[in-house]
Amino acid sequence: MLRTITNNFAALTVLGVGLAWFFPAGFTWMTDGRIAVAGQSLLSLALGVIMLAMGLTLTFDDYRKLASAPRALVAGVVLQFAVMPLTGFAIAKGLALEPGLAVGLILVACCPGGTASNIVTFIARGHVALSVAMTMASTLAAVVLTPLLTGWLAGAYVEIDRWNLLANMVAVVLLPVVLGTLLNRLFPRAAEKVSAVLPLVAIVLVILIVGGIVGGAKAQIAEHAGVLLLATFLLHAVGFALGYGLARMLGLGEVEARTISIEVGMQNSGLGSGLAKTPAFAAQFASIQQAALAPVPAAISAVWHVLIGSMLAGWWRRK
């Protein structure tokens, strides 16, 4: 049953977004800040749980293996933080997006790869070990690179507080991942049992987050639907295409190129929408309306990347 659910992540995401569109209240409780635990919003806790789930699947040996830096891993991570941020910035400029949409698109483009890419890589008969390593490496690198690149590229629209974004990345990404790895080291049997259901938990949380953003910004999405759908589609389509093409140009094999294409094309959209939703990030906009638009591109991108990735994986699998 778990495999069936994970293999149909794309369909479930689309279903969740559809339900959120018609029944927003069923999802917005996750993202509207009404519920807090120990002073932390439910959204921040959900993101932390997703990252903790990733950490529980890792060991300190996995970190040591990254230090050896094989060619495909290095190429993949470099392409992740070169192709997507620059593509996001070019699309924002080319389509003359409003500041809120532009900043939101650039932010999600500067996020690391998402864990859903590991599932899609498996379906595509890609290099699953490389996919996991890339997700892990890009997530760790994102603690520094996401604030840096977002500040540089989105700074053309609003003044980005890089230090606040860095603090959020440390709290939401780095600490939960390292804590999960530490728990895996100290309690391996318990971690193994918990890890069996973690993909399901992560999928549910991502769908709730994306649905909450879509439900809460229904009016803004309806107003900007055309350009929003086009911008997010182009971001991921270009990411998949350049990820594959540039990997092949670098002399990597077919399986490695498929894996890098998926890793580059699929972003951690839940993280992007969560960061854009924080009060400190929203406060950087002069207009409340523009601040409300910032989380929306990440939510829509979550739908596009799983749709494109799943269709591409199905085609590669048959091929």
C-alpha atoms as a PDB file:
ATOM      1  CA  MET A   1       0.000   0.000   0.000  1.00  0.00           C
ATOM      2  CA  LEU A   2       2.829   2.403   0.914  1.00  0.00           C
ATOM      3  CA  ARG A   3       4.519   1.824  -2.447  1.00  0.00           C
ATOM      4  CA  THR A   4       1.230   2.464  -4.265  1.00  0.00           C
ATOM      5  CA  ILE A   5       0.820   5.767  -2.434  1.00  0.00           C
ATOM      6  CA  THR A   6       4.390   6.919  -3.083  1.00  0.00           C
ATOM      7  CA  ASN A   7       4.210   5.888  -6.761  1.00  0.00           C
ATOM      8  CA  ASN A   8       1.049   7.999  -7.146  1.00  0.00           C
ATOM      9  CA  PHE A   9       2.453  11.082  -5.426  1.00  0.00           C
ATOM     10  CA  ALA A  10       1.740  13.251  -8.482  1.00  0.00           C
ATOM     11  CA  ALA A  11      -1.913  12.228  -8.668  1.00  0.00           C
ATOM     12  CA  LEU A  12      -2.352  12.702  -4.923  1.00  0.00           C
ATOM     13  CA  THR A  13      -0.804  16.177  -5.093  1.00  0.00           C
ATOM     14  CA  VAL A  14      -3.165  17.209  -7.892  1.00  0.00           C
ATOM     15  CA  LEU A  15      -6.099  15.743  -5.934  1.00  0.00           C
ATOM     16  CA  GLY A  16      -5.031  17.626  -2.805  1.00  0.00           C
ATOM     17  CA  VAL A  17      -4.748  20.909  -4.683  1.00  0.00           C
ATOM     18  CA  GLY A  18      -8.164  20.326  -6.272  1.00  0.00           C
ATOM     19  CA  LEU A  19      -9.750  19.702  -2.889  1.00  0.00           C
ATOM     20  CA  ALA A  20      -8.016  22.780  -1.447  1.00  0.00           C
ATOM     21  CA  TRP A  21      -9.429  24.896  -4.275  1.00  0.00           C
ATOM     22  CA  PHE A  22     -13.027  23.895  -3.524  1.00  0.00           C
ATOM     23  CA  PHE A  23     -12.659  23.372   0.242  1.00  0.00           C
ATOM     24  CA  PRO A  24      -9.935  25.809   1.392  1.00  0.00           C
ATOM     25  CA  ALA A  25     -10.772  25.494   5.098  1.00  0.00           C
ATOM     26  CA  GLY A  26      -9.789  21.832   4.995  1.00  0.00           C
ATOM     27  CA  PHE A  27      -6.170  22.847   4.303  1.00  0.00           C
ATOM     28  CA  THR A  28      -5.551  26.449   5.362  1.00  0.00           C
ATOM     29  CA  TRP A  29      -5.283  25.492   9.055  1.00  0.00           C
ATOM     30  CA  MET A  30      -1.831  24.157   8.183  1.00  0.00           C
ATOM     31  CA  THR A  31      -0.494  27.461   6.817  1.00  0.00           C
ATOM     32  CA  ASP A  32      -2.500  30.365   8.246  1.00  0.00           C
ATOM     33  CA  GLY A  33      -0.620  30.523  11.567  1.00  0.00           C
ATOM     34  CA  ARG A  34      -3.672  30.005  13.764  1.00  0.00           C
ATOM     35  CA  ILE A  35      -2.219  26.845  15.305  1.00  0.00           C
ATOM     36  CA  ALA A  36       1.091  27.020  17.147  1.00  0.00           C
ATOM     37  CA  VAL A  37       2.975  24.490  19.271  1.00  0.00           C
ATOM     38  CA  ALA A  38       5.554  25.728  21.781  1.00  0.00           C
ATOM     39  CA  GLY A  39       5.528  29.098  20.045  1.00  0.00           C
ATOM     40  CA  GLN A  40       6.224  27.574  16.604  1.00  0.00           C
ATOM     41  CA  SER A  41       3.725  27.707  13.763  1.00  0.00           C
ATOM     42  CA  LEU A  42       2.312  24.430  12.508  1.00  0.00           C
ATOM     43  CA  LEU A  43       3.839  25.137   9.093  1.00  0.00           C
ATOM     44  CA  SER A  44       7.361  25.441  10.514  1.00  0.00           C
ATOM     45  CA  LEU A  45       6.878  22.254  12.536  1.00  0.00           C
ATOM     46  CA  ALA A  46       5.616  20.380   9.458  1.00  0.00           C
ATOM     47  CA  LEU A  47       8.671  21.453   7.452  1.00  0.00           C
ATOM     48  CA  GLY A  48      10.879  20.396  10.340  1.00  0.00           C
ATOM     49  CA  VAL A  49       9.222  16.959  10.464  1.00  0.00           C
ATOM     50  CA  ILE A  50       9.796  16.492   6.716  1.00  0.00           C
ATOM     51  CA  MET A  51      13.490  17.328   7.143  1.00  0.00           C
ATOM     52  CA  LEU A  52      13.702  15.130  10.254  1.00  0.00           C
ATOM     53  CA  ALA A  53      12.257  12.277   8.204  1.00  0.00           C
ATOM     54  CA  MET A  54      15.036  12.746   5.663  1.00  0.00           C
ATOM     55  CA  GLY A  55      17.654  12.812   8.425  1.00  0.00           C
ATOM     56  CA  LEU A  56      16.394   9.539   9.911  1.00  0.00           C
ATOM     57  CA  THR A  57      17.169   7.768   6.635  1.00  0.00           C
ATOM     58  CA  LEU A  58      20.817   8.939   6.724  1.00  0.00           C
ATOM     59  CA  THR A  59      23.905   7.793   8.580  1.00  0.00           C
ATOM     60  CA  PHE A  60      27.139   9.631   9.310  1.00  0.00           C
ATOM     61  CA  ASP A  61      28.784   7.321   6.767  1.00  0.00           C
ATOM     62  CA  ASP A  62      26.551   8.958   4.150  1.00  0.00           C
ATOM     63  CA  TYR A  63      28.028  12.352   5.085  1.00  0.00           C
ATOM     64  CA  ARG A  64      31.545  10.956   4.797  1.00  0.00           C
ATOM     65  CA  LYS A  65      30.786   9.549   1.348  1.00  0.00           C
ATOM     66  CA  LEU A  66      29.809  13.045   0.183  1.00  0.00           C
ATOM     67  CA  ALA A  67      33.328  14.214   1.030  1.00  0.00           C
ATOM     68  CA  SER A  68      34.705  11.906  -1.658  1.00  0.00           C
ATOM     69  CA  ALA A  69      32.686  14.028  -4.153  1.00  0.00           C
ATOM     70  CA  PRO A  70      32.219  11.770  -7.187  1.00  0.00           C
ATOM     71  CA  ARG A  71      31.933  13.567 -10.506  1.00  0.00           C
ATOM     72  CA  ALA A  72      28.183  13.027 -11.054  1.00  0.00           C
ATOM     73  CA  LEU A  73      27.311  14.264  -7.563  1.00  0.00           C
ATOM     74  CA  VAL A  74      29.359  17.446  -7.884  1.00  0.00           C
ATOM     75  CA  ALA A  75      28.003  18.125 -11.386  1.00  0.00           C
ATOM     76  CA  GLY A  76      24.439  17.573 -10.209  1.00  0.00           C
ATOM     77  CA  VAL A  77      24.651  19.910  -7.213  1.00  0.00           C
ATOM     78  CA  VAL A  78      26.385  22.628  -9.253  1.00  0.00           C
ATOM     79  CA  LEU A  79      23.700  22.389 -11.932  1.00  0.00           C
ATOM     80  CA  GLN A  80      20.978  22.484  -9.232  1.00  0.00           C
ATOM     81  CA  PHE A  81      22.151  25.863  -7.945  1.00  0.00           C
ATOM     82  CA  ALA A  82      23.116  27.281 -11.326  1.00  0.00           C
ATOM     83  CA  VAL A  83      20.340  26.237 -13.718  1.00  0.00           C
ATOM     84  CA  MET A  84      17.270  26.783 -11.524  1.00  0.00           C
ATOM     85  CA  PRO A  85      18.059  30.170  -9.874  1.00  0.00           C
ATOM     86  CA  LEU A  86      19.177  31.741 -13.165  1.00  0.00           C
ATOM     87  CA  THR A  87      16.178  30.253 -14.995  1.00  0.00           C
ATOM     88  CA  GLY A  88      13.811  31.572 -12.327  1.00  0.00           C
ATOM     89  CA  PHE A  89      15.315  35.058 -12.583  1.00  0.00           C
ATOM     90  CA  ALA A  90      15.190  35.019 -16.415  1.00  0.00           C
ATOM     91  CA  ILE A  91      11.533  33.935 -16.440  1.00  0.00           C
ATOM     92  CA  ALA A  92      10.572  36.571 -13.859  1.00  0.00           C
ATOM     93  CA  LYS A  93      12.212  39.256 -15.998  1.00  0.00           C
ATOM     94  CA  GLY A  94      11.008  37.874 -19.333  1.00  0.00           C
ATOM     95  CA  LEU A  95       7.379  37.679 -18.223  1.00  0.00           C
ATOM     96  CA  ALA A  96       7.581  40.969 -16.281  1.00  0.00           C
ATOM     97  CA  LEU A  97       6.144  39.335 -13.183  1.00  0.00           C
ATOM     98  CA  GLU A  98       4.836  41.436 -10.315  1.00  0.00           C
ATOM     99  CA  PRO A  99       7.297  41.701  -7.391  1.00  0.00           C
ATOM    100  CA  GLY A 100       5.486  39.144  -5.215  1.00  0.00           C
ATOM    101  CA  LEU A 101       5.328  36.511  -7.956  1.00  0.00           C
ATOM    102  CA  ALA A 102       8.884  37.249  -9.092  1.00  0.00           C
ATOM    103  CA  VAL A 103      10.359  36.905  -5.608  1.00  0.00           C
ATOM    104  CA  GLY A 104       8.342  33.745  -4.928  1.00  0.00           C
ATOM    105  CA  LEU A 105       9.473  32.164  -8.202  1.00  0.00           C
ATOM    106  CA  ILE A 106      13.122  33.037  -7.550  1.00  0.00           C
ATOM    107  CA  LEU A 107      12.915  31.752  -3.974  1.00  0.00           C
ATOM    108  CA  VAL A 108      11.615  28.320  -4.987  1.00  0.00           C
ATOM    109  CA  ALA A 109      14.184  28.207  -7.792  1.00  0.00           C
ATOM    110  CA  CYS A 110      16.923  28.751  -5.189  1.00  0.00           C
ATOM    111  CA  CYS A 111      15.664  25.935  -2.935  1.00  0.00           C
ATOM    112  CA  PRO A 112      17.322  22.502  -2.843  1.00  0.00           C
ATOM    113  CA  GLY A 113      15.974  19.378  -4.471  1.00  0.00           C
ATOM    114  CA  GLY A 114      12.937  17.749  -2.886  1.00  0.00           C
ATOM    115  CA  THR A 115      12.689  14.247  -1.451  1.00  0.00           C
ATOM    116  CA  ALA A 116       9.951  13.421  -3.987  1.00  0.00           C
ATOM    117  CA  SER A 117      12.755  13.319  -6.575  1.00  0.00           C
ATOM    118  CA  ASN A 118      14.051  10.109  -4.976  1.00  0.00           C
ATOM    119  CA  ILE A 119      10.698   8.420  -5.624  1.00  0.00           C
ATOM    120  CA  VAL A 120      10.554   9.698  -9.218  1.00  0.00           C
ATOM    121  CA  THR A 121      14.157   8.580  -9.847  1.00  0.00           C
ATOM    122  CA  PHE A 122      13.246   5.072  -8.724  1.00  0.00           C
ATOM    123  CA  ILE A 123      10.279   4.997 -11.121  1.00  0.00           C
ATOM    124  CA  ALA A 124      12.494   6.304 -13.965  1.00  0.00           C
ATOM    125  CA  ARG A 125      15.085   3.552 -13.396  1.00  0.00           C
ATOM    126  CA  GLY A 126      17.615   6.207 -12.515  1.00  0.00           C
ATOM    127  CA  HIS A 127      20.508   6.086 -10.047  1.00  0.00           C
ATOM    128  CA  VAL A 128      18.645   6.106  -6.719  1.00  0.00           C
ATOM    129  CA  ALA A 129      21.794   6.284  -4.582  1.00  0.00           C
ATOM    130  CA  LEU A 130      22.974   9.319  -6.571  1.00  0.00           C
ATOM    131  CA  SER A 131      19.525  10.897  -6.225  1.00  0.00           C
ATOM    132  CA  VAL A 132      19.542  10.506  -2.442  1.00  0.00           C
ATOM    133  CA  ALA A 133      23.099  11.836  -2.241  1.00  0.00           C
ATOM    134  CA  MET A 134      22.203  14.847  -4.404  1.00  0.00           C
ATOM    135  CA  THR A 135      19.115  15.629  -2.325  1.00  0.00           C
ATOM    136  CA  MET A 136      21.187  15.429   0.827  1.00  0.00           C
ATOM    137  CA  ALA A 137      24.087  17.485  -0.552  1.00  0.00           C
ATOM    138  CA  SER A 138      21.850  20.174  -2.057  1.00  0.00           C
ATOM    139  CA  THR A 139      19.848  20.400   1.182  1.00  0.00           C
ATOM    140  CA  LEU A 140      22.989  20.982   3.223  1.00  0.00           C
ATOM    141  CA  ALA A 141      24.408  23.433   0.662  1.00  0.00           C
ATOM    142  CA  ALA A 142      21.062  25.274   0.584  1.00  0.00           C
ATOM    143  CA  VAL A 143      21.528  26.421   4.175  1.00  0.00           C
ATOM    144  CA  VAL A 144      24.020  28.946   2.789  1.00  0.00           C
ATOM    145  CA  LEU A 145      23.238  29.078  -0.935  1.00  0.00           C
ATOM    146  CA  THR A 146      19.461  29.641  -0.761  1.00  0.00           C
ATOM    147  CA  PRO A 147      19.746  32.880   1.263  1.00  0.00           C
ATOM    148  CA  LEU A 148      22.767  33.979  -0.790  1.00  0.00           C
ATOM    149  CA  LEU A 149      21.224  33.366  -4.224  1.00  0.00           C
ATOM    150  CA  THR A 150      17.761  34.609  -3.232  1.00  0.00           C
ATOM    151  CA  GLY A 151      19.255  37.811  -1.848  1.00  0.00           C
ATOM    152  CA  TRP A 152      21.302  38.345  -5.002  1.00  0.00           C
ATOM    153  CA  LEU A 153      18.601  37.598  -7.597  1.00  0.00           C
ATOM    154  CA  ALA A 154      15.406  38.617  -5.785  1.00  0.00           C
ATOM    155  CA  GLY A 155      17.161  41.754  -4.526  1.00  0.00           C
ATOM    156  CA  ALA A 156      16.181  43.326  -7.837  1.00  0.00           C
ATOM    157  CA  TYR A 157      12.580  43.373  -6.545  1.00  0.00           C
ATOM    158  CA  VAL A 158      12.752  43.728  -2.755  1.00  0.00           C
ATOM    159  CA  GLU A 159      15.496  44.026  -0.151  1.00  0.00           C
ATOM    160  CA  ILE A 160      15.994  40.441   1.047  1.00  0.00           C
ATOM    161  CA  ASP A 161      17.067  39.890   4.660  1.00  0.00           C
ATOM    162  CA  ARG A 162      19.697  37.202   4.012  1.00  0.00           C
ATOM    163  CA  TRP A 163      20.479  36.670   7.696  1.00  0.00           C
ATOM    164  CA  ASN A 164      16.860  36.003   8.582  1.00  0.00           C
ATOM    165  CA  LEU A 165      16.580  33.570   5.670  1.00  0.00           C
ATOM    166  CA  LEU A 166      19.808  31.888   6.802  1.00  0.00           C
ATOM    167  CA  ALA A 167      18.431  31.540  10.343  1.00  0.00           C
ATOM    168  CA  ASN A 168      15.253  29.958   8.966  1.00  0.00           C
ATOM    169  CA  MET A 169      17.280  27.523   6.848  1.00  0.00           C
ATOM    170  CA  VAL A 170      19.323  26.470   9.876  1.00  0.00           C
ATOM    171  CA  ALA A 171      16.212  25.993  12.031  1.00  0.00           C
ATOM    172  CA  VAL A 172      13.988  24.332   9.444  1.00  0.00           C
ATOM    173  CA  VAL A 173      16.557  22.347   7.421  1.00  0.00           C
ATOM    174  CA  LEU A 174      19.959  21.839   9.034  1.00  0.00           C
ATOM    175  CA  LEU A 175      19.004  21.114  12.646  1.00  0.00           C
ATOM    176  CA  PRO A 176      16.196  18.597  11.865  1.00  0.00           C
ATOM    177  CA  VAL A 177      18.335  16.726   9.292  1.00  0.00           C
ATOM    178  CA  VAL A 178      21.312  16.454  11.654  1.00  0.00           C
ATOM    179  CA  LEU A 179      19.018  15.544  14.570  1.00  0.00           C
ATOM    180  CA  GLY A 180      17.433  12.788  12.472  1.00  0.00           C
ATOM    181  CA  THR A 181      20.863  11.390  11.586  1.00  0.00           C
ATOM    182  CA  LEU A 182      21.905  11.498  15.240  1.00  0.00           C
ATOM    183  CA  LEU A 183      18.740   9.654  16.305  1.00  0.00           C
ATOM    184  CA  ASN A 184      19.431   7.082  13.599  1.00  0.00           C
ATOM    185  CA  ARG A 185      22.895   6.581  15.071  1.00  0.00           C
ATOM    186  CA  LEU A 186      21.720   6.335  18.699  1.00  0.00           C
ATOM    187  CA  PHE A 187      18.515   4.335  18.133  1.00  0.00           C
ATOM    188  CA  PRO A 188      18.984   2.444  14.837  1.00  0.00           C
ATOM    189  CA  ARG A 189      16.211  -0.122  15.386  1.00  0.00           C
ATOM    190  CA  ALA A 190      13.625   2.473  16.338  1.00  0.00           C
ATOM    191  CA  ALA A 191      14.728   4.702  13.439  1.00  0.00           C
ATOM    192  CA  GLU A 192      14.348   1.792  11.015  1.00  0.00           C
ATOM    193  CA  LYS A 193      10.784   1.138  12.171  1.00  0.00           C
ATOM    194  CA  VAL A 194       9.837   4.810  12.031  1.00  0.00           C
ATOM    195  CA  SER A 195      11.493   5.238   8.615  1.00  0.00           C
ATOM    196  CA  ALA A 196       9.117   2.650   7.163  1.00  0.00           C
ATOM    197  CA  VAL A 197       6.185   5.067   7.432  1.00  0.00           C
ATOM    198  CA  LEU A 198       8.068   8.353   6.998  1.00  0.00           C
ATOM    199  CA  PRO A 199       7.570   8.593   3.205  1.00  0.00           C
ATOM    200  CA  LEU A 200       3.812   8.507   3.809  1.00  0.00           C
ATOM    201  CA  VAL A 201       4.054  11.169   6.544  1.00  0.00           C
ATOM    202  CA  ALA A 202       6.195  13.396   4.300  1.00  0.00           C
ATOM    203  CA  ILE A 203       3.773  13.040   1.377  1.00  0.00           C
ATOM    204  CA  VAL A 204       0.765  13.911   3.542  1.00  0.00           C
ATOM    205  CA  LEU A 205       2.516  16.956   5.020  1.00  0.00           C
ATOM    206  CA  VAL A 206       3.664  18.244   1.618  1.00  0.00           C
ATOM    207  CA  ILE A 207       0.120  17.900   0.221  1.00  0.00           C
ATOM    208  CA  LEU A 208      -1.321  19.712   3.255  1.00  0.00           C
ATOM    209  CA  ILE A 209       1.239  22.528   2.937  1.00  0.00           C
ATOM    210  CA  VAL A 210       0.711  22.967  -0.811  1.00  0.00           C
ATOM    211  CA  GLY A 211      -3.064  22.709  -0.396  1.00  0.00           C
ATOM    212  CA  GLY A 212      -2.981  25.271   2.423  1.00  0.00           C
ATOM    213  CA  ILE A 213      -1.055  27.762   0.301  1.00  0.00           C
ATOM    214  CA  VAL A 214      -3.361  27.256  -2.694  1.00  0.00           C
ATOM    215  CA  GLY A 215      -6.520  27.455  -0.575  1.00  0.00           C
ATOM    216  CA  GLY A 216      -5.345  30.564   1.244  1.00  0.00           C
ATOM    217  CA  ALA A 217      -4.335  32.353  -1.957  1.00  0.00           C
ATOM    218  CA  LYS A 218      -7.270  31.262  -4.107  1.00  0.00           C
ATOM    219  CA  ALA A 219      -8.223  34.801  -5.104  1.00  0.00           C
ATOM    220  CA  GLN A 220      -4.641  35.747  -6.037  1.00  0.00           C
ATOM    221  CA  ILE A 221      -4.173  32.543  -8.035  1.00  0.00           C
ATOM    222  CA  ALA A 222      -7.409  33.119  -9.960  1.00  0.00           C
ATOM    223  CA  GLU A 223      -6.328  36.686 -10.742  1.00  0.00           C
ATOM    224  CA  HIS A 224      -2.862  35.696 -11.987  1.00  0.00           C
ATOM    225  CA  ALA A 225      -3.602  32.141 -13.189  1.00  0.00           C
ATOM    226  CA  GLY A 226      -2.315  32.459 -16.751  1.00  0.00           C
ATOM    227  CA  VAL A 227       1.099  33.991 -16.102  1.00  0.00           C
ATOM    228  CA  LEU A 228       1.530  32.011 -12.875  1.00  0.00           C
ATOM    229  CA  LEU A 229       0.932  28.632 -14.523  1.00  0.00           C
ATOM    230  CA  LEU A 230       3.171  29.569 -17.453  1.00  0.00           C
ATOM    231  CA  ALA A 231       6.043  30.835 -15.284  1.00  0.00           C
ATOM    232  CA  THR A 232       6.119  27.800 -12.992  1.00  0.00           C
ATOM    233  CA  PHE A 233       5.759  25.365 -15.899  1.00  0.00           C
ATOM    234  CA  LEU A 234       8.669  26.983 -17.736  1.00  0.00           C
ATOM    235  CA  LEU A 235      10.837  26.912 -14.602  1.00  0.00           C
ATOM    236  CA  HIS A 236      10.521  23.154 -14.190  1.00  0.00           C
ATOM    237  CA  ALA A 237      10.443  22.242 -17.884  1.00  0.00           C
ATOM    238  CA  VAL A 238      13.718  24.105 -18.435  1.00  0.00           C
ATOM    239  CA  GLY A 239      15.188  22.550 -15.280  1.00  0.00           C
ATOM    240  CA  PHE A 240      14.447  18.989 -16.429  1.00  0.00           C
ATOM    241  CA  ALA A 241      15.686  19.688 -19.977  1.00  0.00           C
ATOM    242  CA  LEU A 242      18.927  21.475 -19.054  1.00  0.00           C
ATOM    243  CA  GLY A 243      19.632  19.054 -16.217  1.00  0.00           C
ATOM    244  CA  TYR A 244      19.602  16.160 -18.676  1.00  0.00           C
ATOM    245  CA  GLY A 245      21.245  17.960 -21.597  1.00  0.00           C
ATOM    246  CA  LEU A 246      24.103  19.500 -19.623  1.00  0.00           C
ATOM    247  CA  ALA A 247      24.770  16.224 -17.786  1.00  0.00           C
ATOM    248  CA  ARG A 248      25.163  14.461 -21.132  1.00  0.00           C
ATOM    249  CA  MET A 249      27.383  17.264 -22.412  1.00  0.00           C
ATOM    250  CA  LEU A 250      29.610  16.723 -19.373  1.00  0.00           C
ATOM    251  CA  GLY A 251      30.087  13.119 -20.467  1.00  0.00           C
ATOM    252  CA  LEU A 252      27.866  11.457 -17.873  1.00  0.00           C
ATOM    253  CA  GLY A 253      25.954   8.290 -18.703  1.00  0.00           C
ATOM    254  CA  GLU A 254      22.264   7.939 -19.509  1.00  0.00           C
ATOM    255  CA  VAL A 255      21.254   6.762 -16.027  1.00  0.00           C
ATOM    256  CA  GLU A 256      23.211   9.555 -14.309  1.00  0.00           C
ATOM    257  CA  ALA A 257      21.767  12.140 -16.728  1.00  0.00           C
ATOM    258  CA  ARG A 258      18.205  10.993 -15.987  1.00  0.00           C
ATOM    259  CA  THR A 259      18.885  11.275 -12.264  1.00  0.00           C
ATOM    260  CA  ILE A 260      20.406  14.750 -12.514  1.00  0.00           C
ATOM    261  CA  SER A 261      17.528  15.897 -14.732  1.00  0.00           C
ATOM    262  CA  ILE A 262      15.022  14.844 -12.068  1.00  0.00           C
ATOM    263  CA  GLU A 263      17.037  16.345  -9.213  1.00  0.00           C
ATOM    264  CA  VAL A 264      17.486  19.679 -10.990  1.00  0.00           C
ATOM    265  CA  GLY A 265      13.881  19.846 -12.198  1.00  0.00           C
ATOM    266  CA  MET A 266      12.242  18.986  -8.864  1.00  0.00           C
ATOM    267  CA  GLN A 267      12.532  21.560  -6.087  1.00  0.00           C
ATOM    268  CA  ASN A 268      11.628  21.428  -2.408  1.00  0.00           C
ATOM    269  CA  SER A 269       8.498  23.475  -3.032  1.00  0.00           C
ATOM    270  CA  GLY A 270       7.165  22.879   0.460  1.00  0.00           C
ATOM    271  CA  LEU A 271      10.265  24.550   1.861  1.00  0.00           C
ATOM    272  CA  GLY A 272       9.975  27.442  -0.595  1.00  0.00           C
ATOM    273  CA  SER A 273       6.344  28.131   0.214  1.00  0.00           C
ATOM    274  CA  GLY A 274       7.024  27.778   3.938  1.00  0.00           C
ATOM    275  CA  LEU A 275       9.880  30.278   3.870  1.00  0.00           C
ATOM    276  CA  ALA A 276       7.838  32.747   1.808  1.00  0.00           C
ATOM    277  CA  LYS A 277       4.963  32.418   4.275  1.00  0.00           C
ATOM    278  CA  THR A 278       6.975  33.443   7.348  1.00  0.00           C
ATOM    279  CA  PRO A 279       6.050  36.860   8.831  1.00  0.00           C
ATOM    280  CA  ALA A 280       9.652  38.107   8.615  1.00  0.00           C
ATOM    281  CA  PHE A 281       9.828  37.341   4.878  1.00  0.00           C
ATOM    282  CA  ALA A 282       6.423  38.903   4.195  1.00  0.00           C
ATOM    283  CA  ALA A 283       7.456  42.048   6.104  1.00  0.00           C
ATOM    284  CA  GLN A 284      10.075  42.791   3.421  1.00  0.00           C
ATOM    285  CA  PHE A 285       7.350  43.774   0.933  1.00  0.00           C
ATOM    286  CA  ALA A 286       5.958  47.285   0.839  1.00  0.00           C
ATOM    287  CA  SER A 287       2.536  45.913  -0.142  1.00  0.00           C
ATOM    288  CA  ILE A 288       0.501  43.292   1.731  1.00  0.00           C
ATOM    289  CA  GLN A 289      -0.920  42.119  -1.595  1.00  0.00           C
ATOM    290  CA  GLN A 290       2.541  41.437  -3.002  1.00  0.00           C
ATOM    291  CA  ALA A 291       3.577  39.645   0.197  1.00  0.00           C
ATOM    292  CA  ALA A 292       0.532  37.382  -0.176  1.00  0.00           C
ATOM    293  CA  LEU A 293       1.628  36.475  -3.719  1.00  0.00           C
ATOM    294  CA  ALA A 294       5.139  35.354  -2.729  1.00  0.00           C
ATOM    295  CA  PRO A 295       4.258  31.829  -1.455  1.00  0.00           C
ATOM    296  CA  VAL A 296       2.006  31.060  -4.428  1.00  0.00           C
ATOM    297  CA  PRO A 297       4.626  30.166  -7.111  1.00  0.00           C
ATOM    298  CA  ALA A 298       6.113  27.514  -4.820  1.00  0.00           C
ATOM    299  CA  ALA A 299       2.696  25.936  -4.258  1.00  0.00           C
ATOM    300  CA  ILE A 300       1.942  25.808  -7.991  1.00  0.00           C
ATOM    301  CA  SER A 301       5.452  24.558  -8.751  1.00  0.00           C
ATOM    302  CA  ALA A 302       4.811  21.586  -6.439  1.00  0.00           C
ATOM    303  CA  VAL A 303       2.083  20.468  -8.819  1.00  0.00           C
ATOM    304  CA  TRP A 304       4.090  21.039 -11.993  1.00  0.00           C
ATOM    305  CA  HIS A 305       7.280  19.315 -10.940  1.00  0.00           C
ATOM    306  CA  VAL A 306       5.588  16.110  -9.777  1.00  0.00           C
ATOM    307  CA  LEU A 307       3.452  16.035 -12.937  1.00  0.00           C
ATOM    308  CA  ILE A 308       6.369  16.605 -15.318  1.00  0.00           C
ATOM    309  CA  GLY A 309       8.675  14.370 -13.307  1.00  0.00           C
ATOM    310  CA  SER A 310       6.177  11.510 -13.104  1.00  0.00           C
ATOM    311  CA  MET A 311       5.351  11.657 -16.826  1.00  0.00           C
ATOM    312  CA  LEU A 312       9.046  11.797 -17.710  1.00  0.00           C
ATOM    313  CA  ALA A 313       9.797   8.922 -15.347  1.00  0.00           C
ATOM    314  CA  GLY A 314       7.033   6.816 -16.886  1.00  0.00           C
ATOM    315  CA  TRP A 315       8.390   7.456 -20.385  1.00  0.00           C
ATOM    316  CA  TRP A 316      11.961   6.651 -19.372  1.00  0.00           C
ATOM    317  CA  ARG A 317      10.817   3.507 -17.568  1.00  0.00           C
ATOM    318  CA  ARG A 318       9.033   2.225 -20.695  1.00  0.00           C
ATOM    319  CA  LYS A 319      12.006   3.246 -22.853  1.00  0.00           C
END
